[in-house]
Amino acid sequence: MHHIVYMSRAVRPLSDQDLQQLLAQCRHDNALHHVTGVLFYSHGNIAQLIEGDPAILGPLYEKIAQDGRHSNVRQLINRPITRRSFPHWSMAFHPLETEGFSSLEGFFLPNQVPPTPETLTIADAMLVDLVRQAVFGADVAPAAVPA
């Protein structure tokens, strides 16, 4: 099991519809290959953590890096892990059109993003939190853990 974290910049602003289509595509493709993770999007900033078999992730990351919808792709982490931290694919973003947003399954508003999973190493958790801040800004904290 491996995970890769990268950041990039959208070449054009993505609409809510673009993001819905991207999530549907990610869910379909990743389910076929047992890839899980989380994607953050806000105002053109993209960050993603993907996890799965390294034989799948390597070519997947190369495909992602060549995708014309974003540029300045920078890989931040590429390392083995003992277990998944994001077993259900999800995406978090600042919606452009807030009407009806709450009915979208698998999407989170920035302040609803779950806390960083305890399954990540301390170093990876810190980097994921920094990536989250880079995308959403320092004022958006992860949701509290339910008591």
N, C-alpha and C. Protein backbone atom coordinates (compact mmCIF):
# COMPACT_ATOMS: atom_id res chain seq x y z
N MET A 1 0.86 -1.18 0.00
CA MET A 1 0.00 0.00 0.00
C MET A 1 0.90 1.24 0.00
N HIS A 2 0.51 2.24 -0.76
CA HIS A 2 1.27 3.48 -0.93
C HIS A 2 0.30 4.65 -0.87
N HIS A 3 0.83 5.85 -0.61
CA HIS A 3 0.04 7.04 -0.87
C HIS A 3 0.91 8.12 -1.50
N ILE A 4 0.24 8.93 -2.30
CA ILE A 4 0.87 10.06 -2.99
C ILE A 4 0.03 11.29 -2.67
N VAL A 5 0.72 12.38 -2.34
CA VAL A 5 0.07 13.67 -2.13
C VAL A 5 0.68 14.65 -3.13
N TYR A 6 -0.17 15.40 -3.81
CA TYR A 6 0.33 16.42 -4.73
C TYR A 6 -0.54 17.66 -4.64
N MET A 7 0.02 18.76 -5.13
CA MET A 7 -0.71 20.02 -5.27
C MET A 7 -0.56 20.48 -6.71
N SER A 8 -1.55 21.26 -7.17
CA SER A 8 -1.50 21.81 -8.52
C SER A 8 -2.41 23.03 -8.58
N ARG A 9 -2.47 23.61 -9.76
CA ARG A 9 -3.29 24.80 -9.99
C ARG A 9 -4.15 24.55 -11.22
N ALA A 10 -5.46 24.75 -11.10
CA ALA A 10 -6.37 24.59 -12.24
C ALA A 10 -6.02 25.62 -13.30
N VAL A 11 -6.06 25.20 -14.57
CA VAL A 11 -5.76 26.15 -15.65
C VAL A 11 -6.89 27.13 -15.88
N ARG A 12 -8.08 26.77 -15.41
CA ARG A 12 -9.23 27.69 -15.44
C ARG A 12 -10.08 27.36 -14.23
N PRO A 13 -10.85 28.32 -13.76
CA PRO A 13 -11.73 28.02 -12.61
C PRO A 13 -12.68 26.88 -12.96
N LEU A 14 -12.85 25.96 -12.02
CA LEU A 14 -13.77 24.85 -12.22
C LEU A 14 -15.12 25.20 -11.62
N SER A 15 -16.17 24.97 -12.39
CA SER A 15 -17.53 25.23 -11.90
C SER A 15 -17.94 24.09 -10.97
N ASP A 16 -19.03 24.30 -10.26
CA ASP A 16 -19.57 23.23 -9.43
C ASP A 16 -19.87 22.00 -10.29
N GLN A 17 -20.39 22.22 -11.49
CA GLN A 17 -20.69 21.09 -12.39
C GLN A 17 -19.40 20.38 -12.79
N ASP A 18 -18.34 21.13 -13.11
CA ASP A 18 -17.05 20.51 -13.42
C ASP A 18 -16.58 19.62 -12.27
N LEU A 19 -16.72 20.13 -11.05
CA LEU A 19 -16.26 19.39 -9.88
C LEU A 19 -17.12 18.15 -9.64
N GLN A 20 -18.42 18.25 -9.89
CA GLN A 20 -19.29 17.08 -9.76
C GLN A 20 -18.89 16.01 -10.77
N GLN A 21 -18.59 16.42 -12.00
CA GLN A 21 -18.17 15.46 -13.02
C GLN A 21 -16.82 14.85 -12.66
N LEU A 22 -15.91 15.66 -12.13
CA LEU A 22 -14.60 15.16 -11.72
C LEU A 22 -14.74 14.13 -10.60
N LEU A 23 -15.60 14.41 -9.62
CA LEU A 23 -15.80 13.45 -8.53
C LEU A 23 -16.39 12.15 -9.06
N ALA A 24 -17.37 12.25 -9.95
CA ALA A 24 -17.98 11.04 -10.52
C ALA A 24 -16.94 10.22 -11.28
N GLN A 25 -16.09 10.90 -12.06
CA GLN A 25 -15.03 10.22 -12.81
C GLN A 25 -14.04 9.56 -11.85
N CYS A 26 -13.61 10.29 -10.82
CA CYS A 26 -12.66 9.75 -9.84
C CYS A 26 -13.25 8.53 -9.15
N ARG A 27 -14.49 8.62 -8.71
CA ARG A 27 -15.12 7.50 -8.02
C ARG A 27 -15.18 6.26 -8.91
N HIS A 28 -15.57 6.46 -10.15
CA HIS A 28 -15.69 5.32 -11.07
C HIS A 28 -14.32 4.70 -11.34
N ASP A 29 -13.36 5.52 -11.77
CA ASP A 29 -12.03 5.01 -12.12
C ASP A 29 -11.33 4.41 -10.91
N ASN A 30 -11.42 5.09 -9.78
CA ASN A 30 -10.70 4.62 -8.59
C ASN A 30 -11.32 3.36 -8.01
N ALA A 31 -12.63 3.21 -8.13
CA ALA A 31 -13.27 1.98 -7.63
C ALA A 31 -12.77 0.77 -8.42
N LEU A 32 -12.53 0.95 -9.71
CA LEU A 32 -12.03 -0.15 -10.53
C LEU A 32 -10.65 -0.63 -10.07
N HIS A 33 -9.86 0.30 -9.54
CA HIS A 33 -8.47 -0.01 -9.17
C HIS A 33 -8.23 0.00 -7.67
N HIS A 34 -9.28 0.08 -6.87
CA HIS A 34 -9.18 0.08 -5.40
C HIS A 34 -8.30 1.22 -4.91
N VAL A 35 -8.46 2.39 -5.52
CA VAL A 35 -7.75 3.60 -5.12
C VAL A 35 -8.72 4.44 -4.30
N THR A 36 -8.26 4.95 -3.16
CA THR A 36 -9.07 5.83 -2.34
C THR A 36 -8.28 7.11 -2.09
N GLY A 37 -8.92 8.06 -1.42
CA GLY A 37 -8.22 9.30 -1.13
C GLY A 37 -9.17 10.46 -0.91
N VAL A 38 -8.61 11.64 -1.03
CA VAL A 38 -9.39 12.85 -0.85
C VAL A 38 -8.82 13.91 -1.79
N LEU A 39 -9.69 14.75 -2.34
CA LEU A 39 -9.28 15.84 -3.21
C LEU A 39 -9.84 17.13 -2.64
N PHE A 40 -8.97 18.14 -2.51
CA PHE A 40 -9.38 19.46 -2.04
C PHE A 40 -9.31 20.42 -3.22
N TYR A 41 -10.32 21.28 -3.36
CA TYR A 41 -10.32 22.30 -4.40
C TYR A 41 -10.89 23.59 -3.84
N SER A 42 -10.20 24.69 -4.10
CA SER A 42 -10.70 26.00 -3.70
C SER A 42 -10.03 27.07 -4.55
N HIS A 43 -10.84 27.83 -5.25
CA HIS A 43 -10.36 29.00 -6.00
C HIS A 43 -9.15 28.65 -6.88
N GLY A 44 -9.23 27.53 -7.58
CA GLY A 44 -8.18 27.14 -8.51
C GLY A 44 -7.05 26.32 -7.91
N ASN A 45 -6.99 26.22 -6.58
CA ASN A 45 -5.97 25.42 -5.93
C ASN A 45 -6.48 23.99 -5.78
N ILE A 46 -5.64 23.03 -6.12
CA ILE A 46 -6.00 21.62 -6.05
C ILE A 46 -4.95 20.90 -5.21
N ALA A 47 -5.41 20.03 -4.34
CA ALA A 47 -4.52 19.13 -3.60
C ALA A 47 -5.22 17.79 -3.52
N GLN A 48 -4.47 16.74 -3.64
CA GLN A 48 -5.07 15.41 -3.61
C GLN A 48 -4.14 14.43 -2.90
N LEU A 49 -4.74 13.53 -2.14
CA LEU A 49 -4.04 12.39 -1.58
C LEU A 49 -4.71 11.17 -2.18
N ILE A 50 -3.91 10.31 -2.82
CA ILE A 50 -4.42 9.05 -3.35
C ILE A 50 -3.67 7.92 -2.67
N GLU A 51 -4.37 6.81 -2.45
CA GLU A 51 -3.76 5.67 -1.77
C GLU A 51 -4.21 4.38 -2.43
N GLY A 52 -3.27 3.43 -2.50
CA GLY A 52 -3.58 2.14 -3.12
C GLY A 52 -2.31 1.39 -3.43
N ASP A 53 -2.43 0.41 -4.32
CA ASP A 53 -1.31 -0.41 -4.75
C ASP A 53 -0.29 0.48 -5.50
N PRO A 54 1.00 0.42 -5.15
CA PRO A 54 1.98 1.27 -5.84
C PRO A 54 2.05 1.01 -7.34
N ALA A 55 1.76 -0.21 -7.79
CA ALA A 55 1.77 -0.51 -9.22
C ALA A 55 0.66 0.23 -9.96
N ILE A 56 -0.40 0.57 -9.25
CA ILE A 56 -1.51 1.34 -9.81
C ILE A 56 -1.25 2.83 -9.67
N LEU A 57 -0.76 3.25 -8.49
CA LEU A 57 -0.59 4.68 -8.21
C LEU A 57 0.45 5.35 -9.09
N GLY A 58 1.55 4.67 -9.39
CA GLY A 58 2.59 5.28 -10.23
C GLY A 58 2.05 5.75 -11.57
N PRO A 59 1.47 4.83 -12.36
CA PRO A 59 0.89 5.26 -13.64
C PRO A 59 -0.27 6.24 -13.48
N LEU A 60 -1.07 6.07 -12.41
CA LEU A 60 -2.17 7.00 -12.18
C LEU A 60 -1.65 8.41 -11.95
N TYR A 61 -0.62 8.54 -11.11
CA TYR A 61 -0.06 9.87 -10.86
C TYR A 61 0.49 10.48 -12.16
N GLU A 62 1.16 9.68 -12.96
CA GLU A 62 1.70 10.19 -14.24
C GLU A 62 0.56 10.69 -15.13
N LYS A 63 -0.55 9.96 -15.15
CA LYS A 63 -1.72 10.39 -15.93
C LYS A 63 -2.27 11.70 -15.36
N ILE A 64 -2.38 11.77 -14.05
CA ILE A 64 -2.87 12.98 -13.39
C ILE A 64 -1.96 14.17 -13.72
N ALA A 65 -0.65 13.95 -13.63
CA ALA A 65 0.32 15.04 -13.86
C ALA A 65 0.23 15.58 -15.29
N GLN A 66 -0.20 14.72 -16.24
CA GLN A 66 -0.30 15.14 -17.64
C GLN A 66 -1.68 15.71 -17.99
N ASP A 67 -2.62 15.64 -17.06
CA ASP A 67 -3.98 16.11 -17.31
C ASP A 67 -3.96 17.62 -17.58
N GLY A 68 -4.53 18.02 -18.68
CA GLY A 68 -4.52 19.42 -19.10
C GLY A 68 -5.41 20.35 -18.31
N ARG A 69 -6.18 19.82 -17.35
CA ARG A 69 -7.05 20.69 -16.55
C ARG A 69 -6.30 21.41 -15.45
N HIS A 70 -5.03 21.03 -15.21
CA HIS A 70 -4.24 21.71 -14.18
C HIS A 70 -2.78 21.79 -14.60
N SER A 71 -2.04 22.64 -13.90
CA SER A 71 -0.61 22.84 -14.18
C SER A 71 0.14 22.95 -12.85
N ASN A 72 1.45 23.10 -12.95
CA ASN A 72 2.29 23.24 -11.76
C ASN A 72 2.06 22.09 -10.78
N VAL A 73 1.98 20.87 -11.29
CA VAL A 73 1.75 19.70 -10.45
C VAL A 73 3.04 19.41 -9.68
N ARG A 74 2.93 19.39 -8.35
CA ARG A 74 4.09 19.14 -7.47
C ARG A 74 3.77 17.98 -6.54
N GLN A 75 4.54 16.91 -6.67
CA GLN A 75 4.36 15.77 -5.77
C GLN A 75 5.03 16.10 -4.44
N LEU A 76 4.28 15.94 -3.35
CA LEU A 76 4.78 16.26 -2.03
C LEU A 76 5.16 15.02 -1.23
N ILE A 77 4.42 13.95 -1.42
CA ILE A 77 4.67 12.69 -0.70
C ILE A 77 4.47 11.54 -1.67
N ASN A 78 5.33 10.54 -1.57
CA ASN A 78 5.15 9.29 -2.30
C ASN A 78 5.83 8.22 -1.46
N ARG A 79 5.06 7.53 -0.63
CA ARG A 79 5.68 6.58 0.30
C ARG A 79 4.74 5.45 0.67
N PRO A 80 5.33 4.37 1.19
CA PRO A 80 4.50 3.24 1.63
C PRO A 80 3.70 3.61 2.89
N ILE A 81 2.54 2.99 3.01
CA ILE A 81 1.70 3.15 4.20
C ILE A 81 1.25 1.75 4.64
N THR A 82 0.85 1.64 5.90
CA THR A 82 0.41 0.34 6.39
C THR A 82 -1.08 0.11 6.17
N ARG A 83 -1.87 1.20 6.13
CA ARG A 83 -3.30 1.06 5.87
C ARG A 83 -3.86 2.37 5.35
N ARG A 84 -5.05 2.29 4.78
CA ARG A 84 -5.68 3.46 4.19
C ARG A 84 -6.12 4.45 5.28
N SER A 85 -5.99 5.72 4.96
CA SER A 85 -6.49 6.78 5.83
C SER A 85 -7.81 7.34 5.33
N PHE A 86 -8.10 7.17 4.05
CA PHE A 86 -9.33 7.69 3.44
C PHE A 86 -10.02 6.55 2.69
N PRO A 87 -10.68 5.63 3.43
CA PRO A 87 -11.26 4.46 2.77
C PRO A 87 -12.43 4.76 1.84
N HIS A 88 -13.02 5.94 1.96
CA HIS A 88 -14.12 6.34 1.09
C HIS A 88 -13.69 7.58 0.33
N TRP A 89 -13.78 7.53 -1.00
CA TRP A 89 -13.35 8.66 -1.83
C TRP A 89 -14.19 9.88 -1.49
N SER A 90 -13.55 11.03 -1.35
CA SER A 90 -14.31 12.25 -1.07
C SER A 90 -13.60 13.44 -1.70
N MET A 91 -14.33 14.53 -1.80
CA MET A 91 -13.80 15.76 -2.36
C MET A 91 -14.34 16.91 -1.53
N ALA A 92 -13.48 17.87 -1.25
CA ALA A 92 -13.91 19.05 -0.50
C ALA A 92 -13.62 20.27 -1.35
N PHE A 93 -14.57 21.20 -1.40
CA PHE A 93 -14.32 22.41 -2.18
C PHE A 93 -15.23 23.53 -1.73
N HIS A 94 -14.82 24.76 -2.08
CA HIS A 94 -15.66 25.93 -1.87
C HIS A 94 -16.64 25.97 -3.04
N PRO A 95 -17.93 25.77 -2.81
CA PRO A 95 -18.87 25.77 -3.93
C PRO A 95 -19.06 27.18 -4.50
N LEU A 96 -19.26 27.23 -5.80
CA LEU A 96 -19.54 28.51 -6.44
C LEU A 96 -21.02 28.84 -6.30
N GLU A 97 -21.84 27.81 -6.35
CA GLU A 97 -23.28 27.98 -6.20
C GLU A 97 -23.71 27.18 -4.98
N THR A 98 -24.06 27.86 -3.90
CA THR A 98 -24.34 27.17 -2.66
C THR A 98 -25.72 26.50 -2.63
N GLU A 99 -26.62 26.90 -3.52
CA GLU A 99 -27.95 26.30 -3.54
C GLU A 99 -27.85 24.82 -3.87
N GLY A 100 -28.44 24.01 -3.04
CA GLY A 100 -28.46 22.58 -3.30
C GLY A 100 -27.17 21.86 -3.00
N PHE A 101 -26.16 22.56 -2.53
CA PHE A 101 -24.85 21.94 -2.29
C PHE A 101 -24.92 20.82 -1.27
N SER A 102 -25.73 21.00 -0.22
CA SER A 102 -25.77 20.02 0.87
C SER A 102 -26.30 18.67 0.41
N SER A 103 -26.96 18.61 -0.74
CA SER A 103 -27.49 17.34 -1.22
C SER A 103 -26.46 16.53 -2.00
N LEU A 104 -25.30 17.09 -2.26
CA LEU A 104 -24.29 16.38 -3.04
C LEU A 104 -23.53 15.40 -2.17
N GLU A 105 -23.63 14.13 -2.49
CA GLU A 105 -22.96 13.09 -1.70
C GLU A 105 -21.48 13.07 -2.02
N GLY A 106 -20.65 13.02 -0.97
CA GLY A 106 -19.21 12.91 -1.17
C GLY A 106 -18.49 14.24 -1.24
N PHE A 107 -19.21 15.34 -1.14
CA PHE A 107 -18.60 16.66 -1.14
C PHE A 107 -18.67 17.25 0.26
N PHE A 108 -17.66 18.01 0.62
CA PHE A 108 -17.65 18.70 1.90
C PHE A 108 -17.39 20.17 1.67
N LEU A 109 -18.05 21.01 2.44
CA LEU A 109 -17.63 22.40 2.53
C LEU A 109 -16.32 22.41 3.29
N PRO A 110 -15.45 23.40 3.10
CA PRO A 110 -14.16 23.38 3.78
C PRO A 110 -14.24 23.20 5.28
N ASN A 111 -15.24 23.79 5.94
CA ASN A 111 -15.33 23.65 7.40
C ASN A 111 -15.95 22.32 7.81
N GLN A 112 -16.34 21.48 6.85
CA GLN A 112 -16.91 20.17 7.15
C GLN A 112 -15.91 19.04 6.90
N VAL A 113 -14.73 19.36 6.39
CA VAL A 113 -13.74 18.33 6.11
C VAL A 113 -13.39 17.61 7.40
N PRO A 114 -13.43 16.29 7.38
CA PRO A 114 -13.12 15.54 8.61
C PRO A 114 -11.69 15.82 9.08
N PRO A 115 -11.44 15.60 10.36
CA PRO A 115 -10.07 15.80 10.86
C PRO A 115 -9.10 14.85 10.16
N THR A 116 -7.85 15.20 10.19
CA THR A 116 -6.82 14.36 9.59
C THR A 116 -6.83 13.01 10.30
N PRO A 117 -6.90 11.91 9.53
CA PRO A 117 -6.98 10.58 10.15
C PRO A 117 -5.76 10.25 11.00
N GLU A 118 -5.99 9.53 12.08
CA GLU A 118 -4.90 9.11 12.96
C GLU A 118 -4.03 8.05 12.33
N THR A 119 -4.47 7.49 11.20
CA THR A 119 -3.68 6.45 10.54
C THR A 119 -2.46 7.02 9.83
N LEU A 120 -2.44 8.33 9.59
CA LEU A 120 -1.27 8.95 8.95
C LEU A 120 -0.14 9.09 9.96
N THR A 121 1.10 9.02 9.45
CA THR A 121 2.23 9.30 10.33
C THR A 121 2.15 10.76 10.75
N ILE A 122 2.88 11.12 11.78
CA ILE A 122 2.87 12.51 12.25
C ILE A 122 3.33 13.44 11.13
N ALA A 123 4.40 13.06 10.43
CA ALA A 123 4.93 13.90 9.35
C ALA A 123 3.90 14.05 8.23
N ASP A 124 3.26 12.95 7.82
CA ASP A 124 2.27 13.03 6.75
C ASP A 124 1.04 13.81 7.20
N ALA A 125 0.61 13.63 8.45
CA ALA A 125 -0.53 14.38 8.96
C ALA A 125 -0.24 15.88 8.95
N MET A 126 0.97 16.25 9.35
CA MET A 126 1.34 17.68 9.33
C MET A 126 1.32 18.21 7.90
N LEU A 127 1.84 17.43 6.95
CA LEU A 127 1.86 17.88 5.56
C LEU A 127 0.45 17.98 5.00
N VAL A 128 -0.41 17.01 5.30
CA VAL A 128 -1.79 17.07 4.83
C VAL A 128 -2.49 18.30 5.41
N ASP A 129 -2.26 18.60 6.68
CA ASP A 129 -2.84 19.80 7.28
C ASP A 129 -2.31 21.07 6.62
N LEU A 130 -1.02 21.10 6.29
CA LEU A 130 -0.46 22.26 5.59
C LEU A 130 -1.06 22.40 4.20
N VAL A 131 -1.24 21.27 3.51
CA VAL A 131 -1.86 21.29 2.19
C VAL A 131 -3.29 21.81 2.30
N ARG A 132 -4.03 21.33 3.29
CA ARG A 132 -5.40 21.79 3.52
C ARG A 132 -5.42 23.31 3.72
N GLN A 133 -4.48 23.82 4.51
CA GLN A 133 -4.40 25.27 4.75
C GLN A 133 -4.01 26.02 3.48
N ALA A 134 -3.12 25.44 2.68
CA ALA A 134 -2.71 26.09 1.44
C ALA A 134 -3.88 26.22 0.48
N VAL A 135 -4.74 25.22 0.45
CA VAL A 135 -5.88 25.25 -0.46
C VAL A 135 -7.01 26.11 0.08
N PHE A 136 -7.38 25.91 1.35
CA PHE A 136 -8.55 26.59 1.90
C PHE A 136 -8.24 27.84 2.70
N GLY A 137 -7.00 28.03 3.09
CA GLY A 137 -6.64 29.16 3.94
C GLY A 137 -6.57 28.74 5.38
N ALA A 138 -5.83 29.50 6.16
CA ALA A 138 -5.58 29.15 7.56
C ALA A 138 -6.83 29.28 8.42
N ASP A 139 -7.83 30.04 7.97
CA ASP A 139 -9.03 30.25 8.78
C ASP A 139 -9.99 29.07 8.79
N VAL A 140 -9.79 28.10 7.88
CA VAL A 140 -10.68 26.95 7.78
C VAL A 140 -10.05 25.77 8.48
N ALA A 141 -10.58 25.44 9.64
CA ALA A 141 -10.07 24.29 10.41
C ALA A 141 -10.90 23.06 10.07
N PRO A 142 -10.31 21.85 10.24
CA PRO A 142 -11.09 20.64 10.03
C PRO A 142 -12.23 20.55 11.04
N ALA A 143 -13.24 19.79 10.66
CA ALA A 143 -14.38 19.59 11.56
C ALA A 143 -13.91 18.89 12.83
N ALA A 144 -14.61 19.14 13.90
CA ALA A 144 -14.27 18.49 15.18
C ALA A 144 -14.65 17.02 15.13
N VAL A 145 -13.92 16.24 15.88
CA VAL A 145 -14.24 14.83 16.01
C VAL A 145 -15.49 14.70 16.87
N PRO A 146 -16.51 13.94 16.39
CA PRO A 146 -17.73 13.81 17.18
C PRO A 146 -17.43 13.15 18.53
N ALA A 147 -18.08 13.64 19.59
CA ALA A 147 -17.85 13.10 20.94
C ALA A 147 -18.64 11.85 21.16
